[in-house]
């Protein structure tokens, strides 16, 4: 899923199959940088490497 329409300050909740919130995403802009705050108690957050296929067909022109 991609979030395509948002305003800074919006908060998105990630829920499990039972409807319980397991994480929240907060979008903000500070000092000219777009930031995503992630609160996910009990979950480990790691950066996943993208495959070449995803990179070639995704929005690679938007990466900095």
PDB file of N, CA and C in Angstrom:
ATOM      1  N   UNK A   1       0.847  -1.173   0.000  1.00  0.00           N
ATOM      2  CA  UNK A   1       0.000   0.000   0.000  1.00  0.00           C
ATOM      3  C   UNK A   1       0.894   1.238   0.000  1.00  0.00           C
ATOM      4  N   UNK A   2       0.511   2.204  -0.780  1.00  0.00           N
ATOM      5  CA  UNK A   2       1.212   3.480  -0.812  1.00  0.00           C
ATOM      6  C   UNK A   2       0.249   4.567  -0.357  1.00  0.00           C
ATOM      7  N   UNK A   3       0.735   5.473   0.470  1.00  0.00           N
ATOM      8  CA  UNK A   3      -0.057   6.619   0.903  1.00  0.00           C
ATOM      9  C   UNK A   3       0.247   7.735  -0.083  1.00  0.00           C
ATOM     10  N   UNK A   4      -0.755   8.139  -0.842  1.00  0.00           N
ATOM     11  CA  UNK A   4      -0.513   9.127  -1.890  1.00  0.00           C
ATOM     12  C   UNK A   4      -1.031  10.519  -1.543  1.00  0.00           C
ATOM     13  N   UNK A   5      -1.974  10.619  -0.641  1.00  0.00           N
ATOM     14  CA  UNK A   5      -2.523  11.918  -0.270  1.00  0.00           C
ATOM     15  C   UNK A   5      -2.445  12.063   1.245  1.00  0.00           C
ATOM     16  N   UNK A   6      -1.709  13.059   1.700  1.00  0.00           N
ATOM     17  CA  UNK A   6      -1.594  13.287   3.131  1.00  0.00           C
ATOM     18  C   UNK A   6      -1.178  14.722   3.382  1.00  0.00           C
ATOM     19  N   UNK A   7      -1.362  15.141   4.621  1.00  0.00           N
ATOM     20  CA  UNK A   7      -0.870  16.435   5.088  1.00  0.00           C
ATOM     21  C   UNK A   7       0.096  16.159   6.225  1.00  0.00           C
ATOM     22  N   UNK A   8       1.075  17.020   6.375  1.00  0.00           N
ATOM     23  CA  UNK A   8       1.986  16.846   7.494  1.00  0.00           C
ATOM     24  C   UNK A   8       1.183  16.983   8.775  1.00  0.00           C
ATOM     25  N   UNK A   9       1.452  16.113   9.720  1.00  0.00           N
ATOM     26  CA  UNK A   9       0.687  16.048  10.954  1.00  0.00           C
ATOM     27  C   UNK A   9      -0.302  14.902  10.951  1.00  0.00           C
ATOM     28  N   UNK A  10      -0.583  14.324   9.776  1.00  0.00           N
ATOM     29  CA  UNK A  10      -1.475  13.167   9.709  1.00  0.00           C
ATOM     30  C   UNK A  10      -0.843  11.994  10.450  1.00  0.00           C
ATOM     31  N   UNK A  11      -1.690  11.185  11.076  1.00  0.00           N
ATOM     32  CA  UNK A  11      -1.244   9.985  11.775  1.00  0.00           C
ATOM     33  C   UNK A  11      -2.007   8.803  11.197  1.00  0.00           C
ATOM     34  N   UNK A  12      -1.270   7.764  10.814  1.00  0.00           N
ATOM     35  CA  UNK A  12      -1.868   6.555  10.262  1.00  0.00           C
ATOM     36  C   UNK A  12      -1.647   5.416  11.246  1.00  0.00           C
ATOM     37  N   UNK A  13      -2.662   4.592  11.434  1.00  0.00           N
ATOM     38  CA  UNK A  13      -2.561   3.442  12.330  1.00  0.00           C
ATOM     39  C   UNK A  13      -2.463   2.168  11.510  1.00  0.00           C
ATOM     40  N   UNK A  14      -1.547   1.300  11.900  1.00  0.00           N
ATOM     41  CA  UNK A  14      -1.440  -0.029  11.302  1.00  0.00           C
ATOM     42  C   UNK A  14      -2.089  -0.996  12.282  1.00  0.00           C
ATOM     43  N   UNK A  15      -3.051  -1.760  11.801  1.00  0.00           N
ATOM     44  CA  UNK A  15      -3.802  -2.649  12.684  1.00  0.00           C
ATOM     45  C   UNK A  15      -3.622  -4.105  12.279  1.00  0.00           C
ATOM     46  N   UNK A  16      -3.840  -5.004  13.249  1.00  0.00           N
ATOM     47  CA  UNK A  16      -3.779  -6.432  12.950  1.00  0.00           C
ATOM     48  C   UNK A  16      -5.165  -6.924  12.539  1.00  0.00           C
ATOM     49  N   UNK A  17      -5.296  -8.216  12.322  1.00  0.00           N
ATOM     50  CA  UNK A  17      -6.555  -8.797  11.839  1.00  0.00           C
ATOM     51  C   UNK A  17      -7.705  -8.587  12.818  1.00  0.00           C
ATOM     52  N   UNK A  18      -7.399  -8.409  14.104  1.00  0.00           N
ATOM     53  CA  UNK A  18      -8.440  -8.178  15.113  1.00  0.00           C
ATOM     54  C   UNK A  18      -8.773  -6.698  15.294  1.00  0.00           C
ATOM     55  N   UNK A  19      -8.135  -5.840  14.522  1.00  0.00           N
ATOM     56  CA  UNK A  19      -8.421  -4.416  14.602  1.00  0.00           C
ATOM     57  C   UNK A  19      -7.622  -3.675  15.657  1.00  0.00           C
ATOM     58  N   UNK A  20      -6.656  -4.332  16.269  1.00  0.00           N
ATOM     59  CA  UNK A  20      -5.822  -3.685  17.286  1.00  0.00           C
ATOM     60  C   UNK A  20      -4.692  -2.909  16.612  1.00  0.00           C
ATOM     61  N   UNK A  21      -4.432  -1.714  17.095  1.00  0.00           N
ATOM     62  CA  UNK A  21      -3.344  -0.908  16.549  1.00  0.00           C
ATOM     63  C   UNK A  21      -2.012  -1.503  16.991  1.00  0.00           C
ATOM     64  N   UNK A  22      -1.148  -1.820  16.021  1.00  0.00           N
ATOM     65  CA  UNK A  22       0.172  -2.371  16.333  1.00  0.00           C
ATOM     66  C   UNK A  22       1.278  -1.356  16.080  1.00  0.00           C
ATOM     67  N   UNK A  23       0.986  -0.314  15.298  1.00  0.00           N
ATOM     68  CA  UNK A  23       1.981   0.722  15.028  1.00  0.00           C
ATOM     69  C   UNK A  23       1.274   1.968  14.518  1.00  0.00           C
ATOM     70  N   UNK A  24       1.908   3.110  14.712  1.00  0.00           N
ATOM     71  CA  UNK A  24       1.393   4.358  14.150  1.00  0.00           C
ATOM     72  C   UNK A  24       2.510   5.040  13.369  1.00  0.00           C
ATOM     73  N   UNK A  25       2.109   5.692  12.293  1.00  0.00           N
ATOM     74  CA  UNK A  25       3.027   6.473  11.467  1.00  0.00           C
ATOM     75  C   UNK A  25       2.603   7.926  11.551  1.00  0.00           C
ATOM     76  N   UNK A  26       3.529   8.814  11.863  1.00  0.00           N
ATOM     77  CA  UNK A  26       3.256  10.243  11.921  1.00  0.00           C
ATOM     78  C   UNK A  26       4.112  10.928  10.864  1.00  0.00           C
ATOM     79  N   UNK A  27       3.482  11.722  10.018  1.00  0.00           N
ATOM     80  CA  UNK A  27       4.195  12.414   8.940  1.00  0.00           C
ATOM     81  C   UNK A  27       4.416  13.865   9.348  1.00  0.00           C
ATOM     82  N   UNK A  28       5.659  14.332   9.200  1.00  0.00           N
ATOM     83  CA  UNK A  28       5.943  15.719   9.565  1.00  0.00           C
ATOM     84  C   UNK A  28       7.057  16.266   8.692  1.00  0.00           C
ATOM     85  N   UNK A  29       7.204  17.576   8.766  1.00  0.00           N
ATOM     86  CA  UNK A  29       8.285  18.248   8.056  1.00  0.00           C
ATOM     87  C   UNK A  29       9.022  19.119   9.060  1.00  0.00           C
ATOM     88  N   UNK A  30      10.326  18.908   9.171  1.00  0.00           N
ATOM     89  CA  UNK A  30      11.157  19.684  10.085  1.00  0.00           C
ATOM     90  C   UNK A  30      12.400  20.160   9.358  1.00  0.00           C
ATOM     91  N   UNK A  31      12.687  21.433   9.465  1.00  0.00           N
ATOM     92  CA  UNK A  31      13.890  22.020   8.865  1.00  0.00           C
ATOM     93  C   UNK A  31      14.033  21.625   7.403  1.00  0.00           C
ATOM     94  N   UNK A  32      12.929  21.633   6.678  1.00  0.00           N
ATOM     95  CA  UNK A  32      12.954  21.340   5.252  1.00  0.00           C
ATOM     96  C   UNK A  32      13.047  19.874   4.893  1.00  0.00           C
ATOM     97  N   UNK A  33      13.012  18.987   5.889  1.00  0.00           N
ATOM     98  CA  UNK A  33      13.083  17.553   5.618  1.00  0.00           C
ATOM     99  C   UNK A  33      11.750  16.897   5.925  1.00  0.00           C
ATOM    100  N   UNK A  34      11.319  16.003   5.042  1.00  0.00           N
ATOM    101  CA  UNK A  34      10.129  15.207   5.299  1.00  0.00           C
ATOM    102  C   UNK A  34      10.524  14.053   6.207  1.00  0.00           C
ATOM    103  N   UNK A  35       9.741  13.824   7.258  1.00  0.00           N
ATOM    104  CA  UNK A  35      10.066  12.778   8.220  1.00  0.00           C
ATOM    105  C   UNK A  35       8.856  11.904   8.483  1.00  0.00           C
ATOM    106  N   UNK A  36       9.123  10.635   8.786  1.00  0.00           N
ATOM    107  CA  UNK A  36       8.082   9.692   9.181  1.00  0.00           C
ATOM    108  C   UNK A  36       8.455   9.186  10.561  1.00  0.00           C
ATOM    109  N   UNK A  37       7.587   9.431  11.541  1.00  0.00           N
ATOM    110  CA  UNK A  37       7.788   8.902  12.880  1.00  0.00           C
ATOM    111  C   UNK A  37       7.052   7.573  12.988  1.00  0.00           C
ATOM    112  N   UNK A  38       7.721   6.567  13.531  1.00  0.00           N
ATOM    113  CA  UNK A  38       7.123   5.240  13.661  1.00  0.00           C
ATOM    114  C   UNK A  38       7.113   4.853  15.129  1.00  0.00           C
ATOM    115  N   UNK A  39       5.934   4.549  15.647  1.00  0.00           N
ATOM    116  CA  UNK A  39       5.805   4.022  16.999  1.00  0.00           C
ATOM    117  C   UNK A  39       5.235   2.622  16.869  1.00  0.00           C
ATOM    118  N   UNK A  40       6.020   1.640  17.294  1.00  0.00           N
ATOM    119  CA  UNK A  40       5.600   0.248  17.170  1.00  0.00           C
ATOM    120  C   UNK A  40       6.111  -0.536  18.376  1.00  0.00           C
ATOM    121  N   UNK A  41       5.464  -0.368  19.527  1.00  0.00           N
ATOM    122  CA  UNK A  41       5.928  -1.063  20.729  1.00  0.00           C
ATOM    123  C   UNK A  41       5.978  -2.578  20.508  1.00  0.00           C
ATOM    124  N   UNK A  42       7.114  -3.163  20.849  1.00  0.00           N
ATOM    125  CA  UNK A  42       7.265  -4.609  20.740  1.00  0.00           C
ATOM    126  C   UNK A  42       7.651  -5.102  19.360  1.00  0.00           C
ATOM    127  N   UNK A  43       7.700  -4.216  18.367  1.00  0.00           N
ATOM    128  CA  UNK A  43       8.084  -4.632  17.019  1.00  0.00           C
ATOM    129  C   UNK A  43       9.480  -4.115  16.703  1.00  0.00           C
ATOM    130  N   UNK A  44      10.231  -4.903  15.961  1.00  0.00           N
ATOM    131  CA  UNK A  44      11.557  -4.497  15.523  1.00  0.00           C
ATOM    132  C   UNK A  44      11.414  -3.842  14.152  1.00  0.00           C
ATOM    133  N   UNK A  45      12.028  -2.697  13.968  1.00  0.00           N
ATOM    134  CA  UNK A  45      11.950  -1.976  12.698  1.00  0.00           C
ATOM    135  C   UNK A  45      13.320  -2.051  12.031  1.00  0.00           C
ATOM    136  N   UNK A  46      13.349  -2.581  10.816  1.00  0.00           N
ATOM    137  CA  UNK A  46      14.597  -2.688  10.070  1.00  0.00           C
ATOM    138  C   UNK A  46      14.400  -2.108   8.679  1.00  0.00           C
ATOM    139  N   UNK A  47      15.488  -1.694   8.062  1.00  0.00           N
ATOM    140  CA  UNK A  47      15.435  -1.193   6.692  1.00  0.00           C
ATOM    141  C   UNK A  47      15.654  -2.373   5.761  1.00  0.00           C
ATOM    142  N   UNK A  48      14.707  -2.590   4.869  1.00  0.00           N
ATOM    143  CA  UNK A  48      14.794  -3.712   3.943  1.00  0.00           C
ATOM    144  C   UNK A  48      15.415  -3.244   2.636  1.00  0.00           C
ATOM    145  N   UNK A  49      16.316  -4.036   2.108  1.00  0.00           N
ATOM    146  CA  UNK A  49      16.930  -3.726   0.828  1.00  0.00           C
ATOM    147  C   UNK A  49      15.944  -4.032  -0.283  1.00  0.00           C
ATOM    148  N   UNK A  50      15.820  -3.125  -1.243  1.00  0.00           N
ATOM    149  CA  UNK A  50      14.920  -3.329  -2.374  1.00  0.00           C
ATOM    150  C   UNK A  50      15.596  -4.204  -3.413  1.00  0.00           C
ATOM    151  N   UNK A  51      14.815  -5.049  -4.055  1.00  0.00           N
ATOM    152  CA  UNK A  51      15.359  -5.854  -5.140  1.00  0.00           C
ATOM    153  C   UNK A  51      15.540  -4.968  -6.369  1.00  0.00           C
ATOM    154  N   UNK A  52      16.343  -5.410  -7.308  1.00  0.00           N
ATOM    155  CA  UNK A  52      16.559  -4.652  -8.539  1.00  0.00           C
ATOM    156  C   UNK A  52      15.253  -4.452  -9.295  1.00  0.00           C
ATOM    157  N   UNK A  53      14.387  -5.468  -9.296  1.00  0.00           N
ATOM    158  CA  UNK A  53      13.126  -5.380 -10.022  1.00  0.00           C
ATOM    159  C   UNK A  53      12.257  -4.260  -9.456  1.00  0.00           C
ATOM    160  N   UNK A  54      12.149  -4.188  -8.128  1.00  0.00           N
ATOM    161  CA  UNK A  54      11.354  -3.131  -7.504  1.00  0.00           C
ATOM    162  C   UNK A  54      11.959  -1.768  -7.807  1.00  0.00           C
ATOM    163  N   UNK A  55      13.275  -1.685  -7.784  1.00  0.00           N
ATOM    164  CA  UNK A  55      13.935  -0.404  -8.016  1.00  0.00           C
ATOM    165  C   UNK A  55      13.717   0.078  -9.444  1.00  0.00           C
ATOM    166  N   UNK A  56      13.743  -0.833 -10.397  1.00  0.00           N
ATOM    167  CA  UNK A  56      13.581  -0.448 -11.794  1.00  0.00           C
ATOM    168  C   UNK A  56      12.147  -0.084 -12.142  1.00  0.00           C
ATOM    169  N   UNK A  57      11.177  -0.632 -11.431  1.00  0.00           N
ATOM    170  CA  UNK A  57       9.779  -0.376 -11.758  1.00  0.00           C
ATOM    171  C   UNK A  57       9.089   0.545 -10.752  1.00  0.00           C
ATOM    172  N   UNK A  58       9.779   0.912  -9.694  1.00  0.00           N
ATOM    173  CA  UNK A  58       9.178   1.770  -8.680  1.00  0.00           C
ATOM    174  C   UNK A  58       9.400   3.229  -8.995  1.00  0.00           C
ATOM    175  N   UNK A  59       9.365   4.033  -7.959  1.00  0.00           N
ATOM    176  CA  UNK A  59       9.549   5.474  -8.118  1.00  0.00           C
ATOM    177  C   UNK A  59      10.997   5.843  -7.828  1.00  0.00           C
ATOM    178  N   UNK A  60      11.921   5.211  -8.520  1.00  0.00           N
ATOM    179  CA  UNK A  60      13.333   5.440  -8.242  1.00  0.00           C
ATOM    180  C   UNK A  60      13.748   6.879  -8.523  1.00  0.00           C
ATOM    181  N   UNK A  61      13.030   7.572  -9.395  1.00  0.00           N
ATOM    182  CA  UNK A  61      13.387   8.957  -9.688  1.00  0.00           C
ATOM    183  C   UNK A  61      13.069   9.887  -8.530  1.00  0.00           C
ATOM    184  N   UNK A  62      12.346   9.418  -7.519  1.00  0.00           N
ATOM    185  CA  UNK A  62      12.016  10.258  -6.377  1.00  0.00           C
ATOM    186  C   UNK A  62      12.974  10.052  -5.216  1.00  0.00           C
ATOM    187  N   UNK A  63      13.894   9.109  -5.326  1.00  0.00           N
ATOM    188  CA  UNK A  63      14.830   8.849  -4.233  1.00  0.00           C
ATOM    189  C   UNK A  63      15.911   9.910  -4.213  1.00  0.00           C
ATOM    190  N   UNK A  64      16.400  10.185  -3.020  1.00  0.00           N
ATOM    191  CA  UNK A  64      17.476  11.168  -2.872  1.00  0.00           C
ATOM    192  C   UNK A  64      18.701  10.494  -2.307  1.00  0.00           C
TER     193      UNK A  64
END
